[in-house]
Amino acid sequence: MALRSVLTGVGSYLPERVLSNAELAKRVDTSDEWITERTGIRERRIAADDQRTSDLACEASVKALEAAGRDAKDIDLIIVATATPDLTFPATAARVQAELGVSQGAAFDLQAVCSGFVFALATADNFLARGQAKAALVIGAETFSRIVDWEDRGTCVLFGDGAGAVVLEASEEDGDRGVISTFLRTDGRMHDLLYVDGGPSQTQSVGKLRMVGNAVFRQAVEHISGAMLEACARAGIPLDEVDWFVPHQANQRILDGVARKLGIDVDKVVSTVAVHGNTSAASVPLALDVATRDGRIKKGDLVLMEALGGGLTWGAALVRV
């Protein structure tokens, strides 16, 4: 019987500090009304000065392991999706592995910016489905506040910090739970629409986030919609059979635009952007955890996760939880 990757636990973590729109308006030329109208964001979380991306990732992982009824000895693969690693190297995943007390298997980072968690989920699924790992921690974790230009009102209002994690386990059980299909794409020709203007090779610096907002918005609605349809087509499952849509939380207008384009009931779209902001690779698992904990997403539900990020990258994953 073929192996399938089953999602057995989900967890998340948000830093304590809340940065409201009103507080931001004291730092840059903006207002709560301006931000809310254009993005749907009311507040975001900011990591403490002594909190690293790995710290956020570990907190979320502990909760995911608890939800799955597993511990460190059960995990033999850790993938951390992040664009804000602790260090240039080694991988943030290696630090997470050590902090959690995992002493076996592989651990590595994956960089696809806001699409990172979907890419990491697809990668872990391939490891498990081929029998190369038994149980994986798939984590999206970011401290985007460290690379935001706090003088650029077009971007600083969007981003926040946080982490989300899931436990995926290889299963031979006869049933339809697990990762059903994934779809991933990258188009490097659009790299200058969303990027950081620094890096060790090119500038010997960290750099700050830069974005051509209107262009990214158009690409997001088009490509996220396409990825969702493709993931469903690969599974032979109509879009209207999906119980819940868990998108990357970039901007409420993007979420609404995709829903309109595909005729999706907005009540089936999980939105946490108002209180989380855009947490890049962390946003999908954060939203997934919120909707799982509040009882919306139940065992057996069909969930479609989707995202678009710098690269440009985009993708979708269809999972029966």
C-alpha atoms as a PDB file:
ATOM      1  CA  MET A   1       0.000   0.000   0.000  1.00  0.00           C
ATOM      2  CA  ALA A   2       1.316   3.467  -0.912  1.00  0.00           C
ATOM      3  CA  LEU A   3       2.457   5.766   1.850  1.00  0.00           C
ATOM      4  CA  ARG A   4       0.573   8.981   2.468  1.00  0.00           C
ATOM      5  CA  SER A   5       1.600  12.031   4.507  1.00  0.00           C
ATOM      6  CA  VAL A   6      -0.998  12.640   7.210  1.00  0.00           C
ATOM      7  CA  LEU A   7      -1.207  15.893   9.160  1.00  0.00           C
ATOM      8  CA  THR A   8      -1.448  14.816  12.792  1.00  0.00           C
ATOM      9  CA  GLY A   9      -0.783  18.028  14.708  1.00  0.00           C
ATOM     10  CA  VAL A  10      -0.639  21.784  14.263  1.00  0.00           C
ATOM     11  CA  GLY A  11       0.685  24.560  16.503  1.00  0.00           C
ATOM     12  CA  SER A  12       1.598  28.228  16.382  1.00  0.00           C
ATOM     13  CA  TYR A  13       3.297  30.981  18.312  1.00  0.00           C
ATOM     14  CA  LEU A  14       3.024  34.768  18.297  1.00  0.00           C
ATOM     15  CA  PRO A  15       5.374  37.167  20.098  1.00  0.00           C
ATOM     16  CA  GLU A  16       3.828  39.082  22.996  1.00  0.00           C
ATOM     17  CA  ARG A  17       4.311  42.583  21.647  1.00  0.00           C
ATOM     18  CA  VAL A  18       1.355  43.954  19.674  1.00  0.00           C
ATOM     19  CA  LEU A  19       2.024  46.802  17.240  1.00  0.00           C
ATOM     20  CA  SER A  20      -1.228  48.577  16.394  1.00  0.00           C
ATOM     21  CA  ASN A  21      -1.981  50.791  13.429  1.00  0.00           C
ATOM     22  CA  ALA A  22      -2.354  53.730  15.806  1.00  0.00           C
ATOM     23  CA  GLU A  23       1.180  53.190  17.103  1.00  0.00           C
ATOM     24  CA  LEU A  24       2.515  52.904  13.559  1.00  0.00           C
ATOM     25  CA  ALA A  25       0.843  56.186  12.662  1.00  0.00           C
ATOM     26  CA  LYS A  26       3.124  57.875  15.173  1.00  0.00           C
ATOM     27  CA  ARG A  27       6.183  56.607  13.289  1.00  0.00           C
ATOM     28  CA  VAL A  28       5.240  57.081   9.622  1.00  0.00           C
ATOM     29  CA  ASP A  29       2.769  59.187   7.622  1.00  0.00           C
ATOM     30  CA  THR A  30      -0.234  56.877   7.820  1.00  0.00           C
ATOM     31  CA  SER A  31      -3.387  56.235   9.808  1.00  0.00           C
ATOM     32  CA  ASP A  32      -5.440  53.366  11.145  1.00  0.00           C
ATOM     33  CA  GLU A  33      -8.122  54.118   8.545  1.00  0.00           C
ATOM     34  CA  TRP A  34      -5.613  54.181   5.655  1.00  0.00           C
ATOM     35  CA  ILE A  35      -4.038  50.861   6.650  1.00  0.00           C
ATOM     36  CA  THR A  36      -7.309  49.084   7.396  1.00  0.00           C
ATOM     37  CA  GLU A  37      -8.993  50.214   4.180  1.00  0.00           C
ATOM     38  CA  ARG A  38      -6.115  49.116   1.951  1.00  0.00           C
ATOM     39  CA  THR A  39      -4.969  45.961   3.726  1.00  0.00           C
ATOM     40  CA  GLY A  40      -7.503  44.835   6.320  1.00  0.00           C
ATOM     41  CA  ILE A  41      -4.708  44.797   8.909  1.00  0.00           C
ATOM     42  CA  ARG A  42      -5.372  46.287  12.357  1.00  0.00           C
ATOM     43  CA  GLU A  43      -2.341  44.993  14.248  1.00  0.00           C
ATOM     44  CA  ARG A  44       0.671  42.723  14.026  1.00  0.00           C
ATOM     45  CA  ARG A  45       3.101  41.036  16.448  1.00  0.00           C
ATOM     46  CA  ILE A  46       6.751  42.006  16.816  1.00  0.00           C
ATOM     47  CA  ALA A  47       9.447  39.711  18.204  1.00  0.00           C
ATOM     48  CA  ALA A  48      11.364  40.860  21.261  1.00  0.00           C
ATOM     49  CA  ASP A  49      14.951  41.995  20.722  1.00  0.00           C
ATOM     50  CA  ASP A  50      16.272  38.733  22.158  1.00  0.00           C
ATOM     51  CA  GLN A  51      13.894  36.474  20.185  1.00  0.00           C
ATOM     52  CA  ARG A  52      15.282  34.694  17.144  1.00  0.00           C
ATOM     53  CA  THR A  53      13.357  33.059  14.325  1.00  0.00           C
ATOM     54  CA  SER A  54      14.409  29.693  15.768  1.00  0.00           C
ATOM     55  CA  ASP A  55      12.854  30.609  19.127  1.00  0.00           C
ATOM     56  CA  LEU A  56       9.496  31.282  17.491  1.00  0.00           C
ATOM     57  CA  ALA A  57       9.820  28.079  15.467  1.00  0.00           C
ATOM     58  CA  CYS A  58      10.547  26.002  18.572  1.00  0.00           C
ATOM     59  CA  GLU A  59       7.526  27.388  20.430  1.00  0.00           C
ATOM     60  CA  ALA A  60       5.213  26.529  17.541  1.00  0.00           C
ATOM     61  CA  SER A  61       6.814  23.094  17.129  1.00  0.00           C
ATOM     62  CA  VAL A  62       6.307  22.146  20.774  1.00  0.00           C
ATOM     63  CA  LYS A  63       2.599  22.892  20.419  1.00  0.00           C
ATOM     64  CA  ALA A  64       2.347  20.936  17.165  1.00  0.00           C
ATOM     65  CA  LEU A  65       4.086  17.943  18.760  1.00  0.00           C
ATOM     66  CA  GLU A  66       1.720  18.093  21.732  1.00  0.00           C
ATOM     67  CA  ALA A  67      -1.283  18.182  19.405  1.00  0.00           C
ATOM     68  CA  ALA A  68       0.059  15.162  17.527  1.00  0.00           C
ATOM     69  CA  GLY A  69       0.902  13.233  20.714  1.00  0.00           C
ATOM     70  CA  ARG A  70       4.542  12.984  19.612  1.00  0.00           C
ATOM     71  CA  ASP A  71       7.921  14.018  20.982  1.00  0.00           C
ATOM     72  CA  ALA A  72      11.467  14.557  19.755  1.00  0.00           C
ATOM     73  CA  LYS A  73      12.297  10.864  19.393  1.00  0.00           C
ATOM     74  CA  ASP A  74       9.532  10.473  16.791  1.00  0.00           C
ATOM     75  CA  ILE A  75      10.787  13.189  14.402  1.00  0.00           C
ATOM     76  CA  ASP A  76      13.329  12.413  11.711  1.00  0.00           C
ATOM     77  CA  LEU A  77      12.873  15.398   9.377  1.00  0.00           C
ATOM     78  CA  ILE A  78      12.655  19.126  10.121  1.00  0.00           C
ATOM     79  CA  ILE A  79      12.069  21.726   7.407  1.00  0.00           C
ATOM     80  CA  VAL A  80      11.956  25.389   8.355  1.00  0.00           C
ATOM     81  CA  ALA A  81      10.504  27.717   5.747  1.00  0.00           C
ATOM     82  CA  THR A  82      11.917  31.175   6.403  1.00  0.00           C
ATOM     83  CA  ALA A  83      13.291  34.254   4.671  1.00  0.00           C
ATOM     84  CA  THR A  84      14.638  35.589   7.982  1.00  0.00           C
ATOM     85  CA  PRO A  85      17.030  32.935   9.314  1.00  0.00           C
ATOM     86  CA  ASP A  86      18.938  33.350  12.565  1.00  0.00           C
ATOM     87  CA  LEU A  87      22.247  33.325  10.687  1.00  0.00           C
ATOM     88  CA  THR A  88      23.453  33.058   7.103  1.00  0.00           C
ATOM     89  CA  PHE A  89      24.417  29.524   8.129  1.00  0.00           C
ATOM     90  CA  PRO A  90      23.987  27.000   9.620  1.00  0.00           C
ATOM     91  CA  ALA A  91      20.310  26.466   8.883  1.00  0.00           C
ATOM     92  CA  THR A  92      17.773  27.703  11.390  1.00  0.00           C
ATOM     93  CA  ALA A  93      16.350  24.171  11.229  1.00  0.00           C
ATOM     94  CA  ALA A  94      19.595  22.828  12.698  1.00  0.00           C
ATOM     95  CA  ARG A  95      19.183  25.085  15.734  1.00  0.00           C
ATOM     96  CA  VAL A  96      15.522  24.047  16.045  1.00  0.00           C
ATOM     97  CA  GLN A  97      16.570  20.391  15.878  1.00  0.00           C
ATOM     98  CA  ALA A  98      19.087  20.889  18.691  1.00  0.00           C
ATOM     99  CA  GLU A  99      16.729  22.938  20.870  1.00  0.00           C
ATOM    100  CA  LEU A 100      13.946  20.381  20.572  1.00  0.00           C
ATOM    101  CA  GLY A 101      16.298  17.517  21.357  1.00  0.00           C
ATOM    102  CA  VAL A 102      15.838  15.737  18.032  1.00  0.00           C
ATOM    103  CA  SER A 103      18.914  13.542  17.568  1.00  0.00           C
ATOM    104  CA  GLN A 104      18.117  11.794  14.305  1.00  0.00           C
ATOM    105  CA  GLY A 105      17.259  12.548  10.708  1.00  0.00           C
ATOM    106  CA  ALA A 106      17.814  15.656   8.613  1.00  0.00           C
ATOM    107  CA  ALA A 107      17.059  19.317   9.199  1.00  0.00           C
ATOM    108  CA  PHE A 108      17.270  22.116   6.649  1.00  0.00           C
ATOM    109  CA  ASP A 109      15.807  25.474   5.676  1.00  0.00           C
ATOM    110  CA  LEU A 110      13.722  26.222   2.605  1.00  0.00           C
ATOM    111  CA  GLN A 111      13.502  29.704   1.088  1.00  0.00           C
ATOM    112  CA  ALA A 112      10.454  30.562  -1.000  1.00  0.00           C
ATOM    113  CA  VAL A 113       9.463  33.664   1.003  1.00  0.00           C
ATOM    114  CA  CYS A 114       5.687  33.857   1.556  1.00  0.00           C
ATOM    115  CA  SER A 115       5.134  30.594  -0.346  1.00  0.00           C
ATOM    116  CA  GLY A 116       7.683  28.863   1.866  1.00  0.00           C
ATOM    117  CA  PHE A 117       5.326  26.795   3.981  1.00  0.00           C
ATOM    118  CA  VAL A 118       3.486  25.392   0.954  1.00  0.00           C
ATOM    119  CA  PHE A 119       6.837  24.547  -0.682  1.00  0.00           C
ATOM    120  CA  ALA A 120       8.069  22.955   2.560  1.00  0.00           C
ATOM    121  CA  LEU A 121       4.883  20.918   2.943  1.00  0.00           C
ATOM    122  CA  ALA A 122       5.270  19.581  -0.603  1.00  0.00           C
ATOM    123  CA  THR A 123       8.935  18.771   0.051  1.00  0.00           C
ATOM    124  CA  ALA A 124       8.192  16.909   3.278  1.00  0.00           C
ATOM    125  CA  ASP A 125       5.368  15.037   1.559  1.00  0.00           C
ATOM    126  CA  ASN A 126       7.822  13.732  -1.029  1.00  0.00           C
ATOM    127  CA  PHE A 127      10.243  12.546   1.666  1.00  0.00           C
ATOM    128  CA  LEU A 128       7.498  10.722   3.555  1.00  0.00           C
ATOM    129  CA  ALA A 129       5.738   9.269   0.512  1.00  0.00           C
ATOM    130  CA  ARG A 130       9.068   7.753  -0.676  1.00  0.00           C
ATOM    131  CA  GLY A 131       9.769   6.250   2.738  1.00  0.00           C
ATOM    132  CA  GLN A 132      12.797   8.482   3.348  1.00  0.00           C
ATOM    133  CA  ALA A 133      11.368   9.804   6.627  1.00  0.00           C
ATOM    134  CA  LYS A 134       8.666   8.713   9.036  1.00  0.00           C
ATOM    135  CA  ALA A 135       7.625  11.910  10.781  1.00  0.00           C
ATOM    136  CA  ALA A 136       8.357  15.504   9.847  1.00  0.00           C
ATOM    137  CA  LEU A 137       8.058  18.885  11.472  1.00  0.00           C
ATOM    138  CA  VAL A 138       7.171  21.428   8.793  1.00  0.00           C
ATOM    139  CA  ILE A 139       7.587  24.952  10.121  1.00  0.00           C
ATOM    140  CA  GLY A 140       6.999  28.453   8.812  1.00  0.00           C
ATOM    141  CA  ALA A 141       8.752  31.028  10.984  1.00  0.00           C
ATOM    142  CA  GLU A 142       9.647  34.663  10.398  1.00  0.00           C
ATOM    143  CA  THR A 143      10.980  37.787  12.095  1.00  0.00           C
ATOM    144  CA  PHE A 144      10.172  40.103   9.203  1.00  0.00           C
ATOM    145  CA  SER A 145      10.316  43.098  11.506  1.00  0.00           C
ATOM    146  CA  ARG A 146      14.116  42.796  11.235  1.00  0.00           C
ATOM    147  CA  ILE A 147      14.142  43.444   7.461  1.00  0.00           C
ATOM    148  CA  VAL A 148      11.284  45.952   7.144  1.00  0.00           C
ATOM    149  CA  ASP A 149      12.127  49.559   6.291  1.00  0.00           C
ATOM    150  CA  TRP A 150      10.222  51.331   9.059  1.00  0.00           C
ATOM    151  CA  GLU A 151      10.266  54.565   7.068  1.00  0.00           C
ATOM    152  CA  ASP A 152       8.469  53.015   4.067  1.00  0.00           C
ATOM    153  CA  ARG A 153       4.759  53.248   4.815  1.00  0.00           C
ATOM    154  CA  GLY A 154       3.910  51.108   1.789  1.00  0.00           C
ATOM    155  CA  THR A 155       5.571  48.036   3.320  1.00  0.00           C
ATOM    156  CA  CYS A 156       6.148  48.540   7.041  1.00  0.00           C
ATOM    157  CA  VAL A 157       2.408  48.459   7.753  1.00  0.00           C
ATOM    158  CA  LEU A 158       2.043  45.013   6.227  1.00  0.00           C
ATOM    159  CA  PHE A 159       4.403  42.694   8.036  1.00  0.00           C
ATOM    160  CA  GLY A 160       4.617  40.983  11.400  1.00  0.00           C
ATOM    161  CA  ASP A 161       6.423  38.153  13.160  1.00  0.00           C
ATOM    162  CA  GLY A 162       5.251  34.669  14.111  1.00  0.00           C
ATOM    163  CA  ALA A 163       5.563  30.939  13.548  1.00  0.00           C
ATOM    164  CA  GLY A 164       3.378  27.970  12.735  1.00  0.00           C
ATOM    165  CA  ALA A 165       4.179  24.270  12.521  1.00  0.00           C
ATOM    166  CA  VAL A 166       2.604  20.973  11.569  1.00  0.00           C
ATOM    167  CA  VAL A 167       3.541  17.366  12.187  1.00  0.00           C
ATOM    168  CA  LEU A 168       3.319  15.170   9.107  1.00  0.00           C
ATOM    169  CA  GLU A 169       3.496  11.393   9.505  1.00  0.00           C
ATOM    170  CA  ALA A 170       3.866   8.681   6.886  1.00  0.00           C
ATOM    171  CA  SER A 171       0.877   6.372   7.002  1.00  0.00           C
ATOM    172  CA  GLU A 172      -0.130   3.132   5.260  1.00  0.00           C
ATOM    173  CA  GLU A 173      -3.639   3.197   6.685  1.00  0.00           C
ATOM    174  CA  ASP A 174      -6.437   2.730   4.196  1.00  0.00           C
ATOM    175  CA  GLY A 175      -8.232   6.065   4.042  1.00  0.00           C
ATOM    176  CA  ASP A 176      -8.271   9.412   2.329  1.00  0.00           C
ATOM    177  CA  ARG A 177      -6.635  11.586   5.012  1.00  0.00           C
ATOM    178  CA  GLY A 178      -3.362  13.294   4.173  1.00  0.00           C
ATOM    179  CA  VAL A 179      -1.714  15.379   1.484  1.00  0.00           C
ATOM    180  CA  ILE A 180      -3.670  14.729  -1.706  1.00  0.00           C
ATOM    181  CA  SER A 181      -1.978  17.037  -4.222  1.00  0.00           C
ATOM    182  CA  THR A 182       0.447  19.948  -4.445  1.00  0.00           C
ATOM    183  CA  PHE A 183       1.305  22.487  -7.107  1.00  0.00           C
ATOM    184  CA  LEU A 184       4.436  24.679  -7.042  1.00  0.00           C
ATOM    185  CA  ARG A 185       5.721  27.321  -9.452  1.00  0.00           C
ATOM    186  CA  THR A 186       8.435  29.984  -9.674  1.00  0.00           C
ATOM    187  CA  ASP A 187       8.995  32.733 -12.237  1.00  0.00           C
ATOM    188  CA  GLY A 188      12.337  34.414 -11.593  1.00  0.00           C
ATOM    189  CA  ARG A 189      11.669  37.031 -14.249  1.00  0.00           C
ATOM    190  CA  MET A 190       9.540  38.853 -11.674  1.00  0.00           C
ATOM    191  CA  HIS A 191      12.115  38.815  -8.875  1.00  0.00           C
ATOM    192  CA  ASP A 192      12.274  42.611  -8.710  1.00  0.00           C
ATOM    193  CA  LEU A 193       8.586  42.938  -7.737  1.00  0.00           C
ATOM    194  CA  LEU A 194       9.257  41.710  -4.189  1.00  0.00           C
ATOM    195  CA  TYR A 195      12.785  41.385  -2.845  1.00  0.00           C
ATOM    196  CA  VAL A 196      15.303  42.389  -0.187  1.00  0.00           C
ATOM    197  CA  ASP A 197      18.013  44.763  -1.384  1.00  0.00           C
ATOM    198  CA  GLY A 198      20.815  43.028   0.494  1.00  0.00           C
ATOM    199  CA  GLY A 199      22.588  39.708   0.858  1.00  0.00           C
ATOM    200  CA  PRO A 200      26.027  38.298   1.707  1.00  0.00           C
ATOM    201  CA  SER A 201      27.125  37.723  -1.899  1.00  0.00           C
ATOM    202  CA  GLN A 202      25.786  40.834  -3.591  1.00  0.00           C
ATOM    203  CA  THR A 203      25.970  43.564  -0.945  1.00  0.00           C
ATOM    204  CA  GLN A 204      27.586  41.978   2.135  1.00  0.00           C
ATOM    205  CA  SER A 205      24.595  43.255   4.120  1.00  0.00           C
ATOM    206  CA  VAL A 206      21.169  42.133   5.275  1.00  0.00           C
ATOM    207  CA  GLY A 207      19.183  44.766   3.369  1.00  0.00           C
ATOM    208  CA  LYS A 208      15.557  45.864   3.577  1.00  0.00           C
ATOM    209  CA  LEU A 209      12.356  44.622   1.976  1.00  0.00           C
ATOM    210  CA  ARG A 210      11.229  46.312  -1.259  1.00  0.00           C
ATOM    211  CA  MET A 211       7.947  45.733  -3.085  1.00  0.00           C
ATOM    212  CA  VAL A 212       6.034  46.978  -6.106  1.00  0.00           C
ATOM    213  CA  GLY A 213       2.681  46.650  -4.384  1.00  0.00           C
ATOM    214  CA  ASN A 214       0.197  47.049  -7.257  1.00  0.00           C
ATOM    215  CA  ALA A 215       2.072  44.602  -9.472  1.00  0.00           C
ATOM    216  CA  VAL A 216       2.315  42.014  -6.701  1.00  0.00           C
ATOM    217  CA  PHE A 217      -1.413  42.354  -6.050  1.00  0.00           C
ATOM    218  CA  ARG A 218      -2.255  41.576  -9.684  1.00  0.00           C
ATOM    219  CA  GLN A 219       0.126  38.630  -9.826  1.00  0.00           C
ATOM    220  CA  ALA A 220      -1.173  37.262  -6.520  1.00  0.00           C
ATOM    221  CA  VAL A 221      -4.832  37.143  -7.565  1.00  0.00           C
ATOM    222  CA  GLU A 222      -3.986  35.533 -10.905  1.00  0.00           C
ATOM    223  CA  HIS A 223      -1.427  32.971  -9.782  1.00  0.00           C
ATOM    224  CA  ILE A 224      -3.010  31.965  -6.481  1.00  0.00           C
ATOM    225  CA  SER A 225      -6.298  31.335  -8.297  1.00  0.00           C
ATOM    226  CA  GLY A 226      -4.510  29.251 -10.909  1.00  0.00           C
ATOM    227  CA  ALA A 227      -2.613  27.237  -8.306  1.00  0.00           C
ATOM    228  CA  MET A 228      -5.794  26.433  -6.426  1.00  0.00           C
ATOM    229  CA  LEU A 229      -7.522  25.193  -9.569  1.00  0.00           C
ATOM    230  CA  GLU A 230      -4.478  23.150 -10.587  1.00  0.00           C
ATOM    231  CA  ALA A 231      -4.158  21.461  -7.169  1.00  0.00           C
ATOM    232  CA  CYS A 232      -7.828  20.476  -7.327  1.00  0.00           C
ATOM    233  CA  ALA A 233      -7.530  19.301 -10.933  1.00  0.00           C
ATOM    234  CA  ARG A 234      -4.557  17.086 -10.083  1.00  0.00           C
ATOM    235  CA  ALA A 235      -6.625  15.484  -7.329  1.00  0.00           C
ATOM    236  CA  GLY A 236      -9.750  15.178  -9.464  1.00  0.00           C
ATOM    237  CA  ILE A 237     -11.690  17.107  -6.825  1.00  0.00           C
ATOM    238  CA  PRO A 238     -13.945  20.051  -7.753  1.00  0.00           C
ATOM    239  CA  LEU A 239     -13.177  23.332  -6.042  1.00  0.00           C
ATOM    240  CA  ASP A 240     -16.660  23.488  -4.564  1.00  0.00           C
ATOM    241  CA  GLU A 241     -15.990  20.300  -2.570  1.00  0.00           C
ATOM    242  CA  VAL A 242     -13.256  22.018  -0.551  1.00  0.00           C
ATOM    243  CA  ASP A 243     -14.402  22.693   3.015  1.00  0.00           C
ATOM    244  CA  TRP A 244     -11.869  25.387   3.952  1.00  0.00           C
ATOM    245  CA  PHE A 245      -9.468  27.676   2.145  1.00  0.00           C
ATOM    246  CA  VAL A 246      -6.377  28.716   4.128  1.00  0.00           C
ATOM    247  CA  PRO A 247      -4.511  31.339   2.096  1.00  0.00           C
ATOM    248  CA  HIS A 248      -1.322  33.257   2.727  1.00  0.00           C
ATOM    249  CA  GLN A 249      -2.378  36.254   4.803  1.00  0.00           C
ATOM    250  CA  ALA A 250      -0.882  39.035   2.694  1.00  0.00           C
ATOM    251  CA  ASN A 251      -3.722  41.483   2.329  1.00  0.00           C
ATOM    252  CA  GLN A 252      -7.487  41.157   2.825  1.00  0.00           C
ATOM    253  CA  ARG A 253      -8.051  42.636  -0.630  1.00  0.00           C
ATOM    254  CA  ILE A 254      -6.073  39.763  -2.180  1.00  0.00           C
ATOM    255  CA  LEU A 255      -8.077  37.206  -0.217  1.00  0.00           C
ATOM    256  CA  ASP A 256     -11.320  38.849  -1.336  1.00  0.00           C
ATOM    257  CA  GLY A 257     -10.099  39.169  -4.937  1.00  0.00           C
ATOM    258  CA  VAL A 258      -9.280  35.463  -5.206  1.00  0.00           C
ATOM    259  CA  ALA A 259     -12.626  34.514  -3.652  1.00  0.00           C
ATOM    260  CA  ARG A 260     -14.506  36.687  -6.158  1.00  0.00           C
ATOM    261  CA  LYS A 261     -12.511  35.385  -9.100  1.00  0.00           C
ATOM    262  CA  LEU A 262     -13.259  31.752  -8.248  1.00  0.00           C
ATOM    263  CA  GLY A 263     -16.754  32.238  -6.816  1.00  0.00           C
ATOM    264  CA  ILE A 264     -15.757  31.030  -3.346  1.00  0.00           C
ATOM    265  CA  ASP A 265     -17.991  31.680  -0.344  1.00  0.00           C
ATOM    266  CA  VAL A 266     -15.996  34.100   1.826  1.00  0.00           C
ATOM    267  CA  ASP A 267     -17.236  32.271   4.925  1.00  0.00           C
ATOM    268  CA  LYS A 268     -15.061  29.318   3.838  1.00  0.00           C
ATOM    269  CA  VAL A 269     -11.902  31.451   3.681  1.00  0.00           C
ATOM    270  CA  VAL A 270      -9.846  31.557   6.881  1.00  0.00           C
ATOM    271  CA  SER A 271      -8.602  35.097   7.443  1.00  0.00           C
ATOM    272  CA  THR A 272      -6.277  36.141  10.270  1.00  0.00           C
ATOM    273  CA  VAL A 273      -4.627  39.053   8.468  1.00  0.00           C
ATOM    274  CA  ALA A 274      -6.402  41.644  10.645  1.00  0.00           C
ATOM    275  CA  VAL A 275      -4.583  40.544  13.795  1.00  0.00           C
ATOM    276  CA  HIS A 276      -1.445  38.878  12.412  1.00  0.00           C
ATOM    277  CA  GLY A 277      -0.525  41.034   9.429  1.00  0.00           C
ATOM    278  CA  ASN A 278       1.627  39.377   6.782  1.00  0.00           C
ATOM    279  CA  THR A 279       3.926  36.906   8.526  1.00  0.00           C
ATOM    280  CA  SER A 280       5.321  35.536   5.255  1.00  0.00           C
ATOM    281  CA  ALA A 281       6.039  31.773   5.486  1.00  0.00           C
ATOM    282  CA  ALA A 282       4.384  31.626   8.920  1.00  0.00           C
ATOM    283  CA  SER A 283       1.008  32.926   7.792  1.00  0.00           C
ATOM    284  CA  VAL A 284      -0.523  29.725   6.384  1.00  0.00           C
ATOM    285  CA  PRO A 285       0.258  27.478   9.377  1.00  0.00           C
ATOM    286  CA  LEU A 286      -0.710  30.285  11.780  1.00  0.00           C
ATOM    287  CA  ALA A 287      -4.122  30.576  10.110  1.00  0.00           C
ATOM    288  CA  LEU A 288      -4.460  26.789   9.952  1.00  0.00           C
ATOM    289  CA  ASP A 289      -3.836  26.534  13.690  1.00  0.00           C
ATOM    290  CA  VAL A 290      -6.310  29.302  14.529  1.00  0.00           C
ATOM    291  CA  ALA A 291      -9.077  27.635  12.520  1.00  0.00           C
ATOM    292  CA  THR A 292      -8.246  24.224  13.983  1.00  0.00           C
ATOM    293  CA  ARG A 293      -8.255  25.439  17.578  1.00  0.00           C
ATOM    294  CA  ASP A 294     -11.519  27.371  17.233  1.00  0.00           C
ATOM    295  CA  GLY A 295     -13.243  24.302  15.810  1.00  0.00           C
ATOM    296  CA  ARG A 296     -13.861  25.440  12.261  1.00  0.00           C
ATOM    297  CA  ILE A 297     -11.487  22.912  10.703  1.00  0.00           C
ATOM    298  CA  LYS A 298     -12.352  19.388  11.842  1.00  0.00           C
ATOM    299  CA  LYS A 299     -10.846  15.977  11.228  1.00  0.00           C
ATOM    300  CA  GLY A 300     -11.824  14.785   7.771  1.00  0.00           C
ATOM    301  CA  ASP A 301     -12.254  18.271   6.299  1.00  0.00           C
ATOM    302  CA  LEU A 302     -10.776  19.054   2.906  1.00  0.00           C
ATOM    303  CA  VAL A 303      -8.430  22.037   3.217  1.00  0.00           C
ATOM    304  CA  LEU A 304      -6.761  23.972   0.406  1.00  0.00           C
ATOM    305  CA  MET A 305      -3.704  26.049   1.354  1.00  0.00           C
ATOM    306  CA  GLU A 306      -2.230  28.560  -1.084  1.00  0.00           C
ATOM    307  CA  ALA A 307       0.342  31.342  -1.250  1.00  0.00           C
ATOM    308  CA  LEU A 308       2.416  33.687  -3.396  1.00  0.00           C
ATOM    309  CA  GLY A 309       5.751  35.200  -2.444  1.00  0.00           C
ATOM    310  CA  GLY A 310       8.960  36.763  -3.661  1.00  0.00           C
ATOM    311  CA  GLY A 311      10.694  35.044  -6.528  1.00  0.00           C
ATOM    312  CA  LEU A 312       7.965  35.170  -7.622  1.00  0.00           C
ATOM    313  CA  THR A 313       6.881  31.854  -6.143  1.00  0.00           C
ATOM    314  CA  TRP A 314       3.383  30.469  -5.764  1.00  0.00           C
ATOM    315  CA  GLY A 315       1.676  27.208  -4.984  1.00  0.00           C
ATOM    316  CA  ALA A 316      -1.156  25.292  -3.361  1.00  0.00           C
ATOM    317  CA  ALA A 317      -1.579  22.149  -1.309  1.00  0.00           C
ATOM    318  CA  LEU A 318      -4.790  20.136  -0.976  1.00  0.00           C
ATOM    319  CA  VAL A 319      -4.984  18.187   2.282  1.00  0.00           C
ATOM    320  CA  ARG A 320      -7.653  16.151   4.030  1.00  0.00           C
ATOM    321  CA  VAL A 321      -6.905  16.784   7.692  1.00  0.00           C
END
